[in-house]
C-alpha atoms as a PDB file:
ATOM      1  CA  UNK A   1      49.854 -52.279   8.215  1.00  0.00           C
ATOM      2  CA  UNK A   2      51.832 -55.498   8.374  1.00  0.00           C
ATOM      3  CA  UNK A   3      55.660 -54.937   8.423  1.00  0.00           C
ATOM      4  CA  UNK A   4      57.563 -56.629   5.643  1.00  0.00           C
ATOM      5  CA  UNK A   5      61.125 -57.666   4.951  1.00  0.00           C
ATOM      6  CA  UNK A   6      62.883 -59.012   1.850  1.00  0.00           C
ATOM      7  CA  UNK A   7      64.887 -62.233   2.280  1.00  0.00           C
ATOM      8  CA  UNK A   8      65.909 -65.215   0.159  1.00  0.00           C
ATOM      9  CA  UNK A   9      63.087 -67.774  -0.148  1.00  0.00           C
ATOM     10  CA  UNK A  10      64.178 -71.448  -0.484  1.00  0.00           C
ATOM     11  CA  UNK A  11      60.954 -72.325  -2.310  1.00  0.00           C
ATOM     12  CA  UNK A  12      60.849 -69.382  -4.732  1.00  0.00           C
ATOM     13  CA  UNK A  13      64.623 -69.560  -5.129  1.00  0.00           C
ATOM     14  CA  UNK A  14      65.134 -65.836  -4.942  1.00  0.00           C
ATOM     15  CA  UNK A  15      64.640 -62.786  -2.736  1.00  0.00           C
ATOM     16  CA  UNK A  16      60.934 -62.163  -2.058  1.00  0.00           C
ATOM     17  CA  UNK A  17      58.849 -60.041   0.304  1.00  0.00           C
ATOM     18  CA  UNK A  18      57.864 -61.670   3.574  1.00  0.00           C
ATOM     19  CA  UNK A  19      55.270 -60.541   6.057  1.00  0.00           C
ATOM     20  CA  UNK A  20      56.343 -60.422   9.706  1.00  0.00           C
ATOM     21  CA  UNK A  21      53.472 -62.304  11.312  1.00  0.00           C
ATOM     22  CA  UNK A  22      54.751 -62.200  14.886  1.00  0.00           C
ATOM     23  CA  UNK A  23      57.855 -61.375  16.965  1.00  0.00           C
ATOM     24  CA  UNK A  24      59.349 -62.312  20.273  1.00  0.00           C
ATOM     25  CA  UNK A  25      62.169 -60.408  22.020  1.00  0.00           C
ATOM     26  CA  UNK A  26      64.827 -61.941  24.265  1.00  0.00           C
ATOM     27  CA  UNK A  27      67.534 -59.978  26.048  1.00  0.00           C
ATOM     28  CA  UNK A  28      70.404 -60.412  28.495  1.00  0.00           C
ATOM     29  CA  UNK A  29      72.076 -57.626  30.426  1.00  0.00           C
ATOM     30  CA  UNK A  30      75.046 -57.895  32.782  1.00  0.00           C
ATOM     31  CA  UNK A  31      75.586 -54.906  35.088  1.00  0.00           C
ATOM     32  CA  UNK A  32      78.234 -53.968  37.623  1.00  0.00           C
ATOM     33  CA  UNK A  33      78.245 -51.565  40.523  1.00  0.00           C
ATOM     34  CA  UNK A  34      80.854 -48.828  41.135  1.00  0.00           C
ATOM     35  CA  UNK A  35      80.650 -46.218  43.921  1.00  0.00           C
ATOM     36  CA  UNK A  36      76.985 -46.845  44.354  1.00  0.00           C
ATOM     37  CA  UNK A  37      76.132 -46.507  40.674  1.00  0.00           C
ATOM     38  CA  UNK A  38      75.182 -49.383  38.346  1.00  0.00           C
ATOM     39  CA  UNK A  39      76.716 -49.626  34.867  1.00  0.00           C
ATOM     40  CA  UNK A  40      75.942 -51.807  31.881  1.00  0.00           C
ATOM     41  CA  UNK A  41      78.879 -54.203  31.318  1.00  0.00           C
ATOM     42  CA  UNK A  42      77.484 -56.419  28.500  1.00  0.00           C
ATOM     43  CA  UNK A  43      74.240 -57.047  26.726  1.00  0.00           C
ATOM     44  CA  UNK A  44      72.737 -59.350  24.094  1.00  0.00           C
ATOM     45  CA  UNK A  45      69.452 -58.773  22.304  1.00  0.00           C
ATOM     46  CA  UNK A  46      67.634 -61.208  20.052  1.00  0.00           C
ATOM     47  CA  UNK A  47      64.427 -60.659  18.077  1.00  0.00           C
ATOM     48  CA  UNK A  48      62.722 -63.785  16.790  1.00  0.00           C
ATOM     49  CA  UNK A  49      60.496 -63.112  13.761  1.00  0.00           C
ATOM     50  CA  UNK A  50      57.985 -65.442  12.170  1.00  0.00           C
ATOM     51  CA  UNK A  51      58.051 -64.659   8.446  1.00  0.00           C
ATOM     52  CA  UNK A  52      55.713 -65.796   5.696  1.00  0.00           C
ATOM     53  CA  UNK A  53      56.646 -65.466   2.031  1.00  0.00           C
ATOM     54  CA  UNK A  54      54.108 -63.511  -0.069  1.00  0.00           C
ATOM     55  CA  UNK A  55      55.010 -65.585  -3.131  1.00  0.00           C
ATOM     56  CA  UNK A  56      54.610 -69.143  -1.945  1.00  0.00           C
ATOM     57  CA  UNK A  57      53.207 -68.886   1.624  1.00  0.00           C
ATOM     58  CA  UNK A  58      56.118 -70.824   3.168  1.00  0.00           C
ATOM     59  CA  UNK A  59      57.281 -69.831   6.657  1.00  0.00           C
ATOM     60  CA  UNK A  60      60.705 -68.964   8.078  1.00  0.00           C
ATOM     61  CA  UNK A  61      61.998 -68.212  11.573  1.00  0.00           C
ATOM     62  CA  UNK A  62      64.464 -65.352  11.589  1.00  0.00           C
ATOM     63  CA  UNK A  63      66.823 -64.638  14.475  1.00  0.00           C
ATOM     64  CA  UNK A  64      68.015 -60.995  14.572  1.00  0.00           C
ATOM     65  CA  UNK A  65      70.875 -60.775  17.044  1.00  0.00           C
ATOM     66  CA  UNK A  66      73.230 -58.099  18.382  1.00  0.00           C
ATOM     67  CA  UNK A  67      75.455 -57.630  21.407  1.00  0.00           C
ATOM     68  CA  UNK A  68      77.874 -55.143  23.060  1.00  0.00           C
ATOM     69  CA  UNK A  69      80.415 -53.885  20.592  1.00  0.00           C
ATOM     70  CA  UNK A  70      78.400 -54.656  17.454  1.00  0.00           C
ATOM     71  CA  UNK A  71      77.907 -51.108  16.158  1.00  0.00           C
ATOM     72  CA  UNK A  72      79.163 -48.883  13.366  1.00  0.00           C
ATOM     73  CA  UNK A  73      81.069 -45.615  13.522  1.00  0.00           C
ATOM     74  CA  UNK A  74      77.797 -43.762  14.150  1.00  0.00           C
ATOM     75  CA  UNK A  75      77.004 -45.927  17.173  1.00  0.00           C
ATOM     76  CA  UNK A  76      74.116 -47.707  15.448  1.00  0.00           C
ATOM     77  CA  UNK A  77      73.702 -51.439  16.141  1.00  0.00           C
ATOM     78  CA  UNK A  78      74.874 -53.988  13.603  1.00  0.00           C
ATOM     79  CA  UNK A  79      72.846 -57.221  13.483  1.00  0.00           C
ATOM     80  CA  UNK A  80      73.600 -60.814  12.668  1.00  0.00           C
ATOM     81  CA  UNK A  81      70.857 -62.943  11.090  1.00  0.00           C
ATOM     82  CA  UNK A  82      70.178 -66.677  11.283  1.00  0.00           C
ATOM     83  CA  UNK A  83      67.317 -68.489   9.550  1.00  0.00           C
ATOM     84  CA  UNK A  84      65.410 -71.700  10.197  1.00  0.00           C
ATOM     85  CA  UNK A  85      65.381 -73.537   7.882  1.00  0.00           C
ATOM     86  CA  UNK A  86      68.843 -72.385   6.715  1.00  0.00           C
ATOM     87  CA  UNK A  87      68.838 -70.386   3.491  1.00  0.00           C
ATOM     88  CA  UNK A  88      69.946 -72.483   0.508  1.00  0.00           C
ATOM     89  CA  UNK A  89      71.783 -69.546  -1.085  1.00  0.00           C
ATOM     90  CA  UNK A  90      74.271 -69.230   1.773  1.00  0.00           C
ATOM     91  CA  UNK A  91      76.684 -71.694   0.268  1.00  0.00           C
ATOM     92  CA  UNK A  92      76.914 -69.897  -3.035  1.00  0.00           C
ATOM     93  CA  UNK A  93      80.402 -68.562  -2.210  1.00  0.00           C
ATOM     94  CA  UNK A  94      83.075 -70.504  -0.329  1.00  0.00           C
ATOM     95  CA  UNK A  95      86.151 -69.002   1.195  1.00  0.00           C
ATOM     96  CA  UNK A  96      89.367 -69.678  -0.757  1.00  0.00           C
ATOM     97  CA  UNK A  97      92.209 -71.364   1.130  1.00  0.00           C
ATOM     98  CA  UNK A  98      95.272 -69.119   1.248  1.00  0.00           C
ATOM     99  CA  UNK A  99      98.533 -70.657   2.488  1.00  0.00           C
ATOM    100  CA  UNK A 100     100.890 -67.699   2.319  1.00  0.00           C
ATOM    101  CA  UNK A 101      98.676 -64.740   3.340  1.00  0.00           C
ATOM    102  CA  UNK A 102      99.269 -62.935   6.639  1.00  0.00           C
ATOM    103  CA  UNK A 103      97.053 -64.422   9.391  1.00  0.00           C
ATOM    104  CA  UNK A 104      95.266 -61.119  10.182  1.00  0.00           C
ATOM    105  CA  UNK A 105      94.504 -60.594   6.544  1.00  0.00           C
ATOM    106  CA  UNK A 106      93.316 -64.143   6.110  1.00  0.00           C
ATOM    107  CA  UNK A 107      91.084 -63.946   9.203  1.00  0.00           C
ATOM    108  CA  UNK A 108      89.576 -60.705   7.904  1.00  0.00           C
ATOM    109  CA  UNK A 109      88.987 -62.248   4.552  1.00  0.00           C
ATOM    110  CA  UNK A 110      87.136 -65.221   6.117  1.00  0.00           C
ATOM    111  CA  UNK A 111      84.929 -62.846   8.148  1.00  0.00           C
ATOM    112  CA  UNK A 112      84.029 -61.041   4.891  1.00  0.00           C
ATOM    113  CA  UNK A 113      82.950 -64.319   3.314  1.00  0.00           C
ATOM    114  CA  UNK A 114      80.850 -65.228   6.367  1.00  0.00           C
ATOM    115  CA  UNK A 115      79.130 -61.760   6.298  1.00  0.00           C
ATOM    116  CA  UNK A 116      78.467 -62.159   2.569  1.00  0.00           C
ATOM    117  CA  UNK A 117      76.946 -65.621   3.046  1.00  0.00           C
ATOM    118  CA  UNK A 118      74.683 -64.254   5.820  1.00  0.00           C
ATOM    119  CA  UNK A 119      73.426 -61.484   3.519  1.00  0.00           C
ATOM    120  CA  UNK A 120      75.050 -58.710   5.637  1.00  0.00           C
ATOM    121  CA  UNK A 121      75.774 -56.322   2.783  1.00  0.00           C
ATOM    122  CA  UNK A 122      76.841 -53.327   4.909  1.00  0.00           C
ATOM    123  CA  UNK A 123      79.095 -55.462   7.137  1.00  0.00           C
ATOM    124  CA  UNK A 124      80.572 -57.096   3.973  1.00  0.00           C
ATOM    125  CA  UNK A 125      81.377 -53.701   2.429  1.00  0.00           C
ATOM    126  CA  UNK A 126      82.934 -52.512   5.698  1.00  0.00           C
ATOM    127  CA  UNK A 127      85.058 -55.654   5.741  1.00  0.00           C
ATOM    128  CA  UNK A 128      86.165 -55.137   2.134  1.00  0.00           C
ATOM    129  CA  UNK A 129      87.378 -51.669   3.009  1.00  0.00           C
ATOM    130  CA  UNK A 130      89.144 -52.824   6.178  1.00  0.00           C
ATOM    131  CA  UNK A 131      90.903 -55.704   4.377  1.00  0.00           C
ATOM    132  CA  UNK A 132      92.065 -53.349   1.619  1.00  0.00           C
ATOM    133  CA  UNK A 133      93.557 -51.028   4.226  1.00  0.00           C
ATOM    134  CA  UNK A 134      95.157 -53.983   6.006  1.00  0.00           C
ATOM    135  CA  UNK A 135      96.871 -55.008   2.730  1.00  0.00           C
ATOM    136  CA  UNK A 136      98.267 -51.483   2.389  1.00  0.00           C
ATOM    137  CA  UNK A 137      99.656 -51.697   5.971  1.00  0.00           C
ATOM    138  CA  UNK A 138     101.276 -55.092   5.291  1.00  0.00           C
ATOM    139  CA  UNK A 139     102.852 -53.541   2.187  1.00  0.00           C
ATOM    140  CA  UNK A 140     104.435 -50.900   4.380  1.00  0.00           C
ATOM    141  CA  UNK A 141     101.989 -48.102   3.762  1.00  0.00           C
ATOM    142  CA  UNK A 142     100.679 -47.187   7.239  1.00  0.00           C
ATOM    143  CA  UNK A 143      99.249 -43.933   8.504  1.00  0.00           C
ATOM    144  CA  UNK A 144     102.717 -42.427   8.795  1.00  0.00           C
ATOM    145  CA  UNK A 145     103.394 -43.132   5.112  1.00  0.00           C
ATOM    146  CA  UNK A 146      99.979 -41.954   3.912  1.00  0.00           C
ATOM    147  CA  UNK A 147      96.967 -40.670   5.850  1.00  0.00           C
ATOM    148  CA  UNK A 148      93.617 -42.012   4.588  1.00  0.00           C
ATOM    149  CA  UNK A 149      92.821 -44.974   2.433  1.00  0.00           C
ATOM    150  CA  UNK A 150      92.804 -42.996  -0.866  1.00  0.00           C
ATOM    151  CA  UNK A 151      96.409 -41.900  -0.354  1.00  0.00           C
ATOM    152  CA  UNK A 152      97.436 -45.382   0.673  1.00  0.00           C
ATOM    153  CA  UNK A 153      95.975 -46.804  -2.552  1.00  0.00           C
ATOM    154  CA  UNK A 154      97.812 -44.102  -4.509  1.00  0.00           C
ATOM    155  CA  UNK A 155     101.052 -45.134  -2.801  1.00  0.00           C
ATOM    156  CA  UNK A 156     100.433 -48.722  -3.988  1.00  0.00           C
ATOM    157  CA  UNK A 157     101.118 -47.476  -7.487  1.00  0.00           C
ATOM    158  CA  UNK A 158     104.761 -47.370  -6.560  1.00  0.00           C
ATOM    159  CA  UNK A 159     104.776 -51.042  -5.886  1.00  0.00           C
ATOM    160  CA  UNK A 160     106.252 -53.109  -8.764  1.00  0.00           C
ATOM    161  CA  UNK A 161     103.991 -55.997  -7.790  1.00  0.00           C
ATOM    162  CA  UNK A 162     100.677 -54.262  -8.626  1.00  0.00           C
ATOM    163  CA  UNK A 163      99.620 -53.146 -12.115  1.00  0.00           C
ATOM    164  CA  UNK A 164      97.949 -49.717 -12.444  1.00  0.00           C
ATOM    165  CA  UNK A 165      94.757 -51.392 -13.764  1.00  0.00           C
ATOM    166  CA  UNK A 166      94.335 -53.131 -10.408  1.00  0.00           C
ATOM    167  CA  UNK A 167      94.865 -49.846  -8.551  1.00  0.00           C
ATOM    168  CA  UNK A 168      91.943 -48.306 -10.470  1.00  0.00           C
ATOM    169  CA  UNK A 169      89.736 -51.192  -9.326  1.00  0.00           C
ATOM    170  CA  UNK A 170      90.877 -50.740  -5.680  1.00  0.00           C
ATOM    171  CA  UNK A 171      89.662 -47.177  -5.758  1.00  0.00           C
ATOM    172  CA  UNK A 172      86.195 -48.562  -6.489  1.00  0.00           C
ATOM    173  CA  UNK A 173      86.443 -50.766  -3.403  1.00  0.00           C
ATOM    174  CA  UNK A 174      87.207 -47.687  -1.332  1.00  0.00           C
ATOM    175  CA  UNK A 175      84.033 -45.952  -2.470  1.00  0.00           C
ATOM    176  CA  UNK A 176      81.945 -49.068  -1.788  1.00  0.00           C
ATOM    177  CA  UNK A 177      83.374 -49.226   1.757  1.00  0.00           C
ATOM    178  CA  UNK A 178      82.912 -45.493   2.276  1.00  0.00           C
ATOM    179  CA  UNK A 179      79.217 -45.722   1.377  1.00  0.00           C
ATOM    180  CA  UNK A 180      78.793 -48.468   4.009  1.00  0.00           C
ATOM    181  CA  UNK A 181      80.847 -46.873   6.783  1.00  0.00           C
ATOM    182  CA  UNK A 182      79.757 -43.201   6.474  1.00  0.00           C
ATOM    183  CA  UNK A 183      76.275 -43.399   4.908  1.00  0.00           C
ATOM    184  CA  UNK A 184      75.106 -46.983   5.783  1.00  0.00           C
ATOM    185  CA  UNK A 185      74.407 -47.558   2.088  1.00  0.00           C
ATOM    186  CA  UNK A 186      74.630 -51.245   1.042  1.00  0.00           C
ATOM    187  CA  UNK A 187      75.929 -52.258  -2.360  1.00  0.00           C
ATOM    188  CA  UNK A 188      74.017 -54.947  -4.229  1.00  0.00           C
ATOM    189  CA  UNK A 189      75.187 -58.523  -3.868  1.00  0.00           C
ATOM    190  CA  UNK A 190      76.637 -58.733  -7.382  1.00  0.00           C
ATOM    191  CA  UNK A 191      78.850 -55.675  -6.801  1.00  0.00           C
ATOM    192  CA  UNK A 192      80.017 -57.068  -3.443  1.00  0.00           C
ATOM    193  CA  UNK A 193      80.782 -60.383  -5.079  1.00  0.00           C
ATOM    194  CA  UNK A 194      82.910 -58.632  -7.719  1.00  0.00           C
ATOM    195  CA  UNK A 195      84.695 -56.737  -4.939  1.00  0.00           C
ATOM    196  CA  UNK A 196      85.585 -59.971  -3.165  1.00  0.00           C
ATOM    197  CA  UNK A 197      86.749 -61.396  -6.500  1.00  0.00           C
ATOM    198  CA  UNK A 198      89.157 -58.420  -6.854  1.00  0.00           C
ATOM    199  CA  UNK A 199      90.480 -58.825  -3.283  1.00  0.00           C
ATOM    200  CA  UNK A 200      91.006 -62.568  -3.849  1.00  0.00           C
ATOM    201  CA  UNK A 201      92.903 -61.836  -7.019  1.00  0.00           C
ATOM    202  CA  UNK A 202      94.989 -59.183  -5.176  1.00  0.00           C
ATOM    203  CA  UNK A 203      95.857 -61.569  -2.331  1.00  0.00           C
ATOM    204  CA  UNK A 204      96.790 -64.250  -4.822  1.00  0.00           C
ATOM    205  CA  UNK A 205      98.855 -61.836  -6.913  1.00  0.00           C
ATOM    206  CA  UNK A 206     100.684 -60.309  -3.953  1.00  0.00           C
ATOM    207  CA  UNK A 207     101.315 -63.382  -1.790  1.00  0.00           C
ATOM    208  CA  UNK A 208     100.193 -66.761  -3.065  1.00  0.00           C
ATOM    209  CA  UNK A 209     101.483 -66.593  -6.661  1.00  0.00           C
ATOM    210  CA  UNK A 210     104.728 -64.780  -5.743  1.00  0.00           C
ATOM    211  CA  UNK A 211     105.683 -67.121  -2.891  1.00  0.00           C
ATOM    212  CA  UNK A 212     104.714 -70.195  -4.894  1.00  0.00           C
ATOM    213  CA  UNK A 213     106.899 -68.882  -7.786  1.00  0.00           C
ATOM    214  CA  UNK A 214     109.818 -68.277  -5.394  1.00  0.00           C
ATOM    215  CA  UNK A 215     109.461 -71.727  -3.911  1.00  0.00           C
ATOM    216  CA  UNK A 216     109.431 -73.405  -7.301  1.00  0.00           C
ATOM    217  CA  UNK A 217     112.449 -71.353  -8.402  1.00  0.00           C
ATOM    218  CA  UNK A 218     114.314 -72.457  -5.269  1.00  0.00           C
ATOM    219  CA  UNK A 219     113.447 -76.113  -6.024  1.00  0.00           C
ATOM    220  CA  UNK A 220     114.759 -75.726  -9.572  1.00  0.00           C
ATOM    221  CA  UNK A 221     117.943 -74.053  -8.250  1.00  0.00           C
ATOM    222  CA  UNK A 222     118.613 -76.823  -5.746  1.00  0.00           C
ATOM    223  CA  UNK A 223     117.954 -79.512  -8.386  1.00  0.00           C
ATOM    224  CA  UNK A 224     120.327 -77.787 -10.802  1.00  0.00           C
ATOM    225  CA  UNK A 225     123.065 -77.456  -8.160  1.00  0.00           C
ATOM    226  CA  UNK A 226     122.737 -81.119  -7.190  1.00  0.00           C
ATOM    227  CA  UNK A 227     123.015 -82.160 -10.853  1.00  0.00           C
ATOM    228  CA  UNK A 228     126.053 -79.922 -11.314  1.00  0.00           C
ATOM    229  CA  UNK A 229     127.775 -81.506  -8.314  1.00  0.00           C
ATOM    230  CA  UNK A 230     127.017 -84.994  -9.663  1.00  0.00           C
ATOM    231  CA  UNK A 231     128.502 -84.133 -13.036  1.00  0.00           C
ATOM    232  CA  UNK A 232     131.713 -82.656 -11.608  1.00  0.00           C
END
């Protein structure tokens, strides 16, 4: 029986079943020797798949790639996918430009957007969870203050900057990330998009809007002081 996968079809403009007509494997392994024994230092593995859409009969070349270090907590490989021609749905979500967000948080956010664009639902969900925990740490809630993400989120309730309604939504992000990390269950794309929406709103609320407000307040204060000096 022919193996099938479901990917976005540029012609059908939606996710459709594709037959895998043929495959070709390419691998690279770098080994080193120590005390007469050889050990694997690094590896890359690529599987090229020739896919044909069952809806419109158009063809796509899929590159399924992994390397050393790309694995989940269970040790299973995580794959990156590229398509030729490129999928037209990849640009449906662009990364927002944050100017006042911590660099590590911003880099993690950009990686989430990239994973989402590539259709890597499990990786996206893992990233959502990691970014949420990173925000907690930046807010001073590390493992010493609270062990486990659930308790960190609960601690956020004490922050005057975050409404309780947002905290309830963050608990939902935790469960989405837990399903990906511990059970390899992927959420649907709509749910992941809403999760990213919430994280973007949280980053804006905590850092962008607050710092922008402080900067504008400082500008008003300086202008007022200058006018007061001119009048005196």
